[in-house]
N, C-alpha and C. Protein backbone atom coordinates (compact mmCIF):
# COMPACT_ATOMS: atom_id res chain seq x y z
N MET A 1 122.00 134.49 102.23
CA MET A 1 122.24 135.98 100.91
C MET A 1 121.16 136.01 99.91
N ILE A 2 120.36 135.08 99.95
CA ILE A 2 118.76 135.27 99.14
C ILE A 2 118.22 136.90 99.63
N PRO A 3 118.04 136.98 100.80
CA PRO A 3 117.20 138.05 101.53
C PRO A 3 118.22 139.35 101.00
N LEU A 4 119.55 139.56 100.92
CA LEU A 4 120.42 140.54 100.42
C LEU A 4 120.09 140.47 98.91
N ARG A 5 120.00 139.47 98.12
CA ARG A 5 119.99 139.56 96.73
C ARG A 5 118.71 140.46 96.61
N GLN A 6 117.71 140.20 97.22
CA GLN A 6 116.07 140.83 97.57
C GLN A 6 116.42 141.92 97.85
N ASP A 7 116.97 142.11 98.42
CA ASP A 7 117.09 144.07 99.14
C ASP A 7 118.01 144.54 98.19
N ILE A 8 118.88 143.98 97.09
CA ILE A 8 119.74 144.91 96.42
C ILE A 8 118.69 144.90 95.07
N VAL A 9 118.05 143.99 94.60
CA VAL A 9 116.85 144.06 93.66
C VAL A 9 115.88 145.19 94.29
N ALA A 10 115.18 145.39 95.58
CA ALA A 10 114.41 146.68 95.76
C ALA A 10 115.24 147.54 95.61
N PHE A 11 116.41 147.50 96.10
CA PHE A 11 117.33 148.72 95.81
C PHE A 11 117.15 149.73 94.75
N PHE A 12 117.36 148.65 93.54
CA PHE A 12 117.40 149.08 92.17
C PHE A 12 116.05 149.46 91.80
N ASP A 13 115.02 148.96 91.94
CA ASP A 13 113.63 149.39 91.95
C ASP A 13 113.45 150.65 92.63
N LYS A 14 114.11 151.00 93.53
CA LYS A 14 113.49 152.34 94.55
C LYS A 14 114.58 153.64 93.62
N ASN A 15 115.58 152.73 93.11
CA ASN A 15 116.76 154.07 92.84
C ASN A 15 117.43 154.23 91.53
N ILE A 16 116.65 152.98 90.34
CA ILE A 16 117.28 153.07 88.96
C ILE A 16 116.75 154.65 88.16
N ASP A 17 115.88 155.61 88.67
CA ASP A 17 115.67 157.08 88.54
C ASP A 17 116.90 157.65 88.77
N LYS A 18 117.39 157.59 90.04
CA LYS A 18 118.47 158.53 90.28
C LYS A 18 120.00 157.90 89.71
N ILE A 19 120.22 156.84 89.38
CA ILE A 19 120.85 155.95 88.86
C ILE A 19 121.16 156.53 87.41
N VAL A 20 120.19 156.46 86.88
CA VAL A 20 119.82 156.81 85.50
C VAL A 20 120.15 158.06 85.20
N ALA A 21 119.52 159.16 85.97
CA ALA A 21 120.04 161.03 86.09
C ALA A 21 121.63 160.84 86.21
N ILE A 22 122.00 160.46 87.11
CA ILE A 22 123.59 160.50 87.15
C ILE A 22 124.06 160.10 86.01
N TRP A 23 123.83 158.91 85.56
CA TRP A 23 124.52 158.41 84.21
C TRP A 23 124.43 159.55 83.43
N ASN A 24 123.13 160.05 83.19
CA ASN A 24 123.00 160.79 81.73
C ASN A 24 124.12 162.05 82.20
N GLU A 25 124.04 162.46 83.32
CA GLU A 25 125.34 163.95 83.09
C GLU A 25 126.34 163.70 83.00
N GLN A 26 126.94 162.33 83.02
CA GLN A 26 128.07 161.96 82.80
C GLN A 26 128.61 161.60 81.39
N LEU A 27 127.78 161.32 80.65
CA LEU A 27 127.94 161.16 79.40
C LEU A 27 128.67 161.91 78.47
N ILE A 28 129.57 161.43 77.38
CA ILE A 28 130.39 161.89 76.53
C ILE A 28 129.64 163.33 75.66
N ASN A 29 128.62 162.06 75.02
CA ASN A 29 127.80 162.75 73.90
C ASN A 29 126.28 162.16 73.90
N SER A 30 125.31 163.56 73.89
CA SER A 30 124.12 162.69 74.28
C SER A 30 123.78 161.92 73.00
N LYS A 31 124.48 161.91 71.73
CA LYS A 31 123.65 161.30 70.48
C LYS A 31 124.37 159.42 70.85
N SER A 32 125.13 159.34 71.50
CA SER A 32 125.75 158.14 71.36
C SER A 32 125.02 157.44 72.72
N ASN A 33 123.95 158.37 73.68
CA ASN A 33 123.90 157.71 74.79
C ASN A 33 123.11 156.40 74.88
N PRO A 34 123.22 155.38 75.83
CA PRO A 34 122.79 154.24 75.87
C PRO A 34 121.56 154.49 76.51
N LEU A 35 121.27 155.33 76.99
CA LEU A 35 120.00 155.35 78.21
C LEU A 35 118.73 156.03 77.03
N LYS A 36 119.29 156.07 75.95
CA LYS A 36 118.14 156.77 75.14
C LYS A 36 118.02 155.84 73.69
N SER A 37 119.07 154.65 73.91
CA SER A 37 118.94 153.49 73.00
C SER A 37 117.40 152.90 72.98
N LYS A 38 117.12 152.65 71.73
CA LYS A 38 115.91 151.83 71.43
C LYS A 38 116.13 150.33 72.05
N PHE A 39 117.07 149.76 72.30
CA PHE A 39 117.74 148.70 72.94
C PHE A 39 118.13 148.99 74.20
N PHE A 40 118.83 149.75 74.91
CA PHE A 40 119.27 149.64 76.11
C PHE A 40 118.81 150.85 76.76
N ASN A 41 117.87 151.13 76.91
CA ASN A 41 117.07 152.27 77.69
C ASN A 41 116.88 152.16 79.49
N LYS A 42 116.46 153.02 80.48
CA LYS A 42 116.10 153.11 81.36
C LYS A 42 115.37 151.46 81.99
N ASP A 43 114.45 151.03 81.17
CA ASP A 43 113.78 150.10 81.54
C ASP A 43 114.77 148.84 81.26
N THR A 44 115.65 148.76 80.08
CA THR A 44 116.39 147.72 80.28
C THR A 44 117.47 147.73 80.96
N CYS A 45 117.98 148.80 81.34
CA CYS A 45 118.90 148.94 82.39
C CYS A 45 118.42 148.31 83.65
N HIS A 46 117.52 148.74 84.04
CA HIS A 46 117.01 148.10 85.25
C HIS A 46 116.97 146.65 84.89
N ASP A 47 116.23 145.91 83.91
CA ASP A 47 115.98 144.75 83.55
C ASP A 47 117.85 144.01 83.49
N PHE A 48 118.71 144.85 83.08
CA PHE A 48 119.92 144.07 82.90
C PHE A 48 120.69 144.15 84.34
N LEU A 49 120.26 145.12 85.09
CA LEU A 49 120.97 144.97 86.56
C LEU A 49 120.04 144.03 87.26
N ILE A 50 119.03 143.54 87.17
CA ILE A 50 118.11 142.95 87.93
C ILE A 50 118.39 141.24 87.50
N GLN A 51 118.52 141.26 86.21
CA GLN A 51 119.17 139.80 85.75
C GLN A 51 120.45 139.63 86.04
N SER A 52 121.50 140.49 85.93
CA SER A 52 122.67 140.24 86.38
C SER A 52 123.13 139.31 87.85
N LEU A 53 121.82 139.89 88.71
CA LEU A 53 121.89 139.64 89.78
C LEU A 53 120.95 138.10 89.93
N SER A 54 120.15 138.08 88.97
CA SER A 54 119.13 136.76 89.33
C SER A 54 119.34 135.33 88.17
N ILE A 55 119.94 135.59 87.19
CA ILE A 55 119.61 134.43 86.48
C ILE A 55 121.06 133.78 86.37
N SER A 56 121.00 132.59 85.75
CA SER A 56 122.07 132.12 85.60
C SER A 56 123.04 132.20 84.68
N LYS A 57 124.52 132.39 84.29
CA LYS A 57 125.69 132.70 83.74
C LYS A 57 125.15 132.44 82.29
N GLU A 58 124.52 131.18 81.90
CA GLU A 58 124.18 130.68 80.63
C GLU A 58 123.19 131.45 80.35
N LYS A 59 121.80 132.13 80.78
CA LYS A 59 120.67 132.78 80.47
C LYS A 59 121.40 134.16 80.60
N LEU A 60 122.19 134.40 81.24
CA LEU A 60 122.96 135.72 81.35
C LEU A 60 123.34 136.29 80.04
N GLU A 61 124.23 135.36 79.72
CA GLU A 61 125.03 135.30 78.35
C GLU A 61 124.19 135.49 77.07
N HIS A 62 123.19 134.69 77.12
CA HIS A 62 122.21 134.76 75.94
C HIS A 62 121.73 136.27 76.05
N PHE A 63 121.18 136.72 76.98
CA PHE A 63 120.91 137.96 77.21
C PHE A 63 121.61 139.00 76.83
N LEU A 64 122.79 138.95 76.98
CA LEU A 64 123.64 139.92 77.13
C LEU A 64 124.35 140.12 75.43
N LYS A 65 124.17 138.78 74.60
CA LYS A 65 125.00 138.89 73.31
C LYS A 65 123.30 139.49 72.71
N SER A 66 122.29 139.19 72.84
CA SER A 66 121.03 139.68 71.98
C SER A 66 120.81 141.42 72.52
N LEU A 67 121.35 141.72 73.60
CA LEU A 67 120.96 142.97 73.97
C LEU A 67 122.32 143.93 73.12
N ALA A 68 123.76 143.18 73.50
CA ALA A 68 124.60 143.88 72.73
C ALA A 68 124.66 143.94 71.07
N SER A 69 124.41 142.82 70.52
CA SER A 69 124.19 142.90 68.84
C SER A 69 123.13 144.07 68.52
N ASN A 70 122.17 144.05 69.09
CA ASN A 70 121.02 145.12 68.69
C ASN A 70 121.59 146.40 68.99
N PHE A 71 122.07 146.41 69.97
CA PHE A 71 122.58 147.78 70.39
C PHE A 71 123.65 148.38 69.83
N ALA A 72 124.59 147.46 68.97
CA ALA A 72 125.83 147.74 68.65
C ALA A 72 125.31 148.14 66.87
N LYS A 73 124.48 147.38 66.83
CA LYS A 73 123.94 147.65 65.38
C LYS A 73 123.13 148.99 65.44
N GLU A 74 122.76 149.33 66.24
CA GLU A 74 121.69 150.67 66.42
C GLU A 74 122.85 151.78 66.13
N LYS A 75 123.96 151.57 67.14
CA LYS A 75 124.79 152.43 67.03
C LYS A 75 126.03 152.65 66.04
N LEU A 76 126.02 151.47 65.21
CA LEU A 76 126.74 151.47 63.92
C LEU A 76 125.79 152.16 62.95
N ASP A 77 124.66 152.05 63.10
CA ASP A 77 123.66 152.88 62.06
C ASP A 77 123.37 154.10 62.15
N GLN A 78 123.70 154.60 63.51
CA GLN A 78 123.83 155.69 64.02
C GLN A 78 125.43 156.39 63.71
N ASN A 79 126.13 155.87 63.14
CA ASN A 79 127.46 156.30 62.96
C ASN A 79 128.50 156.89 64.25
N ILE A 80 127.99 156.01 65.60
CA ILE A 80 128.20 156.68 66.50
C ILE A 80 129.86 155.83 66.65
N ASP A 81 130.87 156.87 67.60
CA ASP A 81 132.04 156.29 67.70
C ASP A 81 132.20 155.02 68.31
N LEU A 82 132.91 153.97 68.32
CA LEU A 82 133.02 153.09 69.24
C LEU A 82 133.56 153.41 70.83
N GLY A 83 134.42 154.22 70.69
CA GLY A 83 134.69 155.03 72.01
C GLY A 83 134.19 155.55 72.84
N GLU A 84 133.06 156.22 72.07
CA GLU A 84 132.13 156.88 72.75
C GLU A 84 131.24 155.80 73.49
N VAL A 85 130.84 154.80 72.84
CA VAL A 85 129.70 154.05 73.02
C VAL A 85 130.55 153.07 74.57
N THR A 86 131.60 152.68 74.27
CA THR A 86 132.29 151.40 75.42
C THR A 86 132.75 152.95 76.76
N TYR A 87 133.07 154.04 76.39
CA TYR A 87 133.02 155.22 77.79
C TYR A 87 131.47 155.06 78.35
N ASN A 88 130.65 155.51 77.68
CA ASN A 88 129.19 155.52 78.14
C ASN A 88 129.04 154.40 79.18
N LEU A 89 129.16 153.32 78.46
CA LEU A 89 128.51 152.09 79.17
C LEU A 89 129.62 151.88 80.44
N SER A 90 130.92 151.94 80.05
CA SER A 90 131.50 152.12 81.45
C SER A 90 131.25 153.00 82.49
N ILE A 91 130.72 154.14 82.16
CA ILE A 91 130.15 155.22 83.15
C ILE A 91 129.02 154.31 84.05
N GLY A 92 128.15 154.09 83.09
CA GLY A 92 126.92 153.23 83.87
C GLY A 92 127.79 151.79 84.86
N LYS A 93 128.57 151.42 84.32
CA LYS A 93 129.27 150.69 85.42
C LYS A 93 129.63 151.01 86.65
N SER A 94 130.42 152.30 86.54
CA SER A 94 131.19 152.99 87.47
C SER A 94 130.33 153.42 88.38
N ILE A 95 128.96 154.20 87.89
CA ILE A 95 128.15 154.59 88.87
C ILE A 95 127.51 153.57 89.47
N THR A 96 126.59 152.54 88.94
CA THR A 96 126.11 151.42 89.50
C THR A 96 127.22 150.83 90.96
N THR A 97 128.19 150.62 90.49
CA THR A 97 128.72 150.13 91.41
C THR A 97 129.08 151.18 92.72
N LYS A 98 129.55 152.23 92.52
CA LYS A 98 129.43 153.47 93.61
C LYS A 98 128.14 153.39 94.35
N PHE A 99 126.95 153.68 93.66
CA PHE A 99 125.93 153.46 94.39
C PHE A 99 125.48 152.31 95.21
N LEU A 100 125.98 151.26 94.71
CA LEU A 100 125.98 150.09 95.82
C LEU A 100 126.85 150.11 97.09
N TYR A 101 128.02 150.83 96.75
CA TYR A 101 129.36 150.83 97.83
C TYR A 101 128.60 151.85 98.63
N ASN A 102 128.22 152.82 98.11
CA ASN A 102 127.57 154.17 98.95
C ASN A 102 126.23 153.94 99.71
N ASN A 103 125.79 152.99 99.54
CA ASN A 103 124.45 152.50 100.21
C ASN A 103 124.21 151.19 101.17
N TYR A 104 125.74 150.79 101.24
CA TYR A 104 125.32 149.73 102.06
C TYR A 104 126.41 149.64 103.07
N LEU A 105 126.45 149.45 104.54
CA LEU A 105 127.54 149.69 105.39
C LEU A 105 128.52 148.75 105.32
N ASN A 106 127.94 147.64 105.08
CA ASN A 106 129.13 146.17 104.98
C ASN A 106 129.11 145.81 103.76
N VAL A 107 130.31 146.57 103.45
CA VAL A 107 130.66 146.22 101.70
C VAL A 107 130.90 145.17 101.57
N ASN A 108 131.52 144.10 102.42
CA ASN A 108 131.91 142.77 102.11
C ASN A 108 130.60 142.29 101.88
N ASP A 109 129.05 142.57 102.47
CA ASP A 109 128.03 141.47 101.98
C ASP A 109 127.50 141.65 100.49
N VAL A 110 128.08 143.14 100.10
CA VAL A 110 127.23 143.31 98.76
C VAL A 110 128.35 142.94 97.62
N ASN A 111 129.88 142.63 98.08
CA ASN A 111 130.84 142.13 97.03
C ASN A 111 130.21 141.26 96.19
N ALA A 112 129.93 140.01 96.53
CA ALA A 112 129.55 139.31 95.42
C ALA A 112 128.57 139.62 94.41
N TYR A 113 127.52 140.62 94.68
CA TYR A 113 126.76 141.23 93.69
C TYR A 113 127.19 142.35 92.98
N ILE A 114 128.12 142.80 93.61
CA ILE A 114 128.68 144.17 92.85
C ILE A 114 129.88 143.24 91.79
N ASP A 115 130.16 142.14 91.93
CA ASP A 115 131.12 141.14 90.89
C ASP A 115 130.19 141.05 89.88
N LYS A 116 128.90 140.45 90.34
CA LYS A 116 128.01 139.67 89.24
C LYS A 116 127.45 141.11 88.55
N ILE A 117 127.48 142.26 88.61
CA ILE A 117 127.01 143.21 88.19
C ILE A 117 128.52 143.72 87.06
N ASN A 118 129.49 143.43 87.92
CA ASN A 118 130.44 143.83 86.99
C ASN A 118 130.40 143.30 85.87
N TYR A 119 130.86 141.54 86.33
CA TYR A 119 130.50 140.77 85.02
C TYR A 119 129.70 141.04 84.03
N ALA A 120 128.32 141.24 84.15
CA ALA A 120 127.55 141.39 83.26
C ALA A 120 127.97 143.05 82.12
N PHE A 121 128.29 144.01 83.06
CA PHE A 121 128.80 145.20 82.54
C PHE A 121 129.94 144.73 81.23
N ASP A 122 130.92 144.24 81.99
CA ASP A 122 132.06 143.64 81.00
C ASP A 122 131.69 142.58 80.06
N LYS A 123 130.88 141.70 80.12
CA LYS A 123 130.51 140.86 79.00
C LYS A 123 129.76 141.79 78.08
N LEU A 124 128.74 142.47 78.60
CA LEU A 124 127.99 143.58 77.32
C LEU A 124 128.99 144.75 76.68
N LEU A 125 130.16 144.90 77.59
CA LEU A 125 131.05 145.95 76.79
C LEU A 125 131.47 144.85 75.58
N PHE A 126 132.04 143.76 76.09
CA PHE A 126 133.00 142.66 75.23
C PHE A 126 132.28 142.32 74.13
N TYR A 127 130.77 142.15 74.24
CA TYR A 127 129.93 141.83 73.00
C TYR A 127 129.37 142.93 72.18
N VAL A 128 129.33 143.89 72.89
CA VAL A 128 128.99 145.21 71.74
C VAL A 128 130.33 145.61 71.07
N VAL A 129 131.37 145.42 71.63
CA VAL A 129 132.98 145.83 71.04
C VAL A 129 133.00 144.69 69.68
N THR A 130 132.96 143.65 70.41
CA THR A 130 132.87 142.10 69.24
C THR A 130 132.05 142.56 68.03
N TYR A 131 130.95 142.56 68.42
CA TYR A 131 129.96 142.61 67.13
C TYR A 131 130.04 144.17 66.22
N TYR A 132 130.47 145.43 67.08
CA TYR A 132 130.45 146.54 66.56
C TYR A 132 131.77 146.50 65.60
N SER A 133 132.89 145.51 66.22
CA SER A 133 133.92 145.79 65.16
C SER A 133 133.82 144.49 63.93
N ASN A 134 133.49 143.41 64.05
CA ASN A 134 132.98 142.72 63.14
C ASN A 134 132.06 143.19 62.08
N VAL A 135 131.21 143.91 62.42
CA VAL A 135 130.07 144.54 61.26
C VAL A 135 131.19 145.62 60.76
N LYS A 136 131.76 146.36 61.23
CA LYS A 136 132.33 147.36 60.66
C LYS A 136 133.56 146.77 59.48
N ASP A 137 134.34 145.89 60.16
CA ASP A 137 135.34 145.17 59.46
C ASP A 137 134.58 144.40 58.16
N GLN A 138 133.34 143.87 58.08
CA GLN A 138 132.82 143.43 57.09
C GLN A 138 132.28 144.54 56.09
N ILE A 139 131.69 145.63 56.51
CA ILE A 139 131.70 146.84 55.70
C ILE A 139 132.87 147.50 55.00
N ILE A 140 134.23 147.60 55.48
CA ILE A 140 135.16 147.98 54.90
C ILE A 140 135.69 147.01 54.05
N ASP A 141 135.53 145.90 54.30
CA ASP A 141 135.76 144.56 53.32
C ASP A 141 135.05 144.77 52.07
N LYS A 142 133.70 144.87 52.25
CA LYS A 142 133.24 144.92 51.09
C LYS A 142 133.48 146.38 50.24
N LYS A 143 133.43 147.34 50.93
CA LYS A 143 134.14 148.57 49.88
C LYS A 143 135.11 148.46 49.24
N MET A 144 136.14 147.66 49.98
CA MET A 144 137.58 147.32 49.59
C MET A 144 137.37 146.27 48.27
N ASN A 145 136.44 145.51 48.14
CA ASN A 145 136.26 144.78 47.24
C ASN A 145 135.25 144.80 46.21
N THR A 146 134.81 145.95 46.46
CA THR A 146 133.52 146.22 45.14
C THR A 146 134.39 147.39 44.46
């Protein structure tokens, strides 16, 4: 399976610009564009995909928590709606998995890697929503108590 993982990593190295271009075309609002984020840009997207395939779940969790908290804070500071953020990250997940499904003849071979990528996107979304909601709740509580 390792040669296939290396092949998928090479696939992302070669196709990240296409994936990002298609992702950008399908975004709801350019203001909430995750790919123009200081924390989640084209390079981070590439790193995110490679990390999701290559590192242990424990290290991936740490990577995702850090990325999500920084990204969520940025979107909060920009006053971006959480629905937009969630939708735009979900679009990235969909495009990435479709790209893999469409470029590998034997889908069964890549299913384990698609599962890893889906897991990473799902956890990233979970951490972004959690962090965003917690900070938003703190802001509301502070306003109500002053």
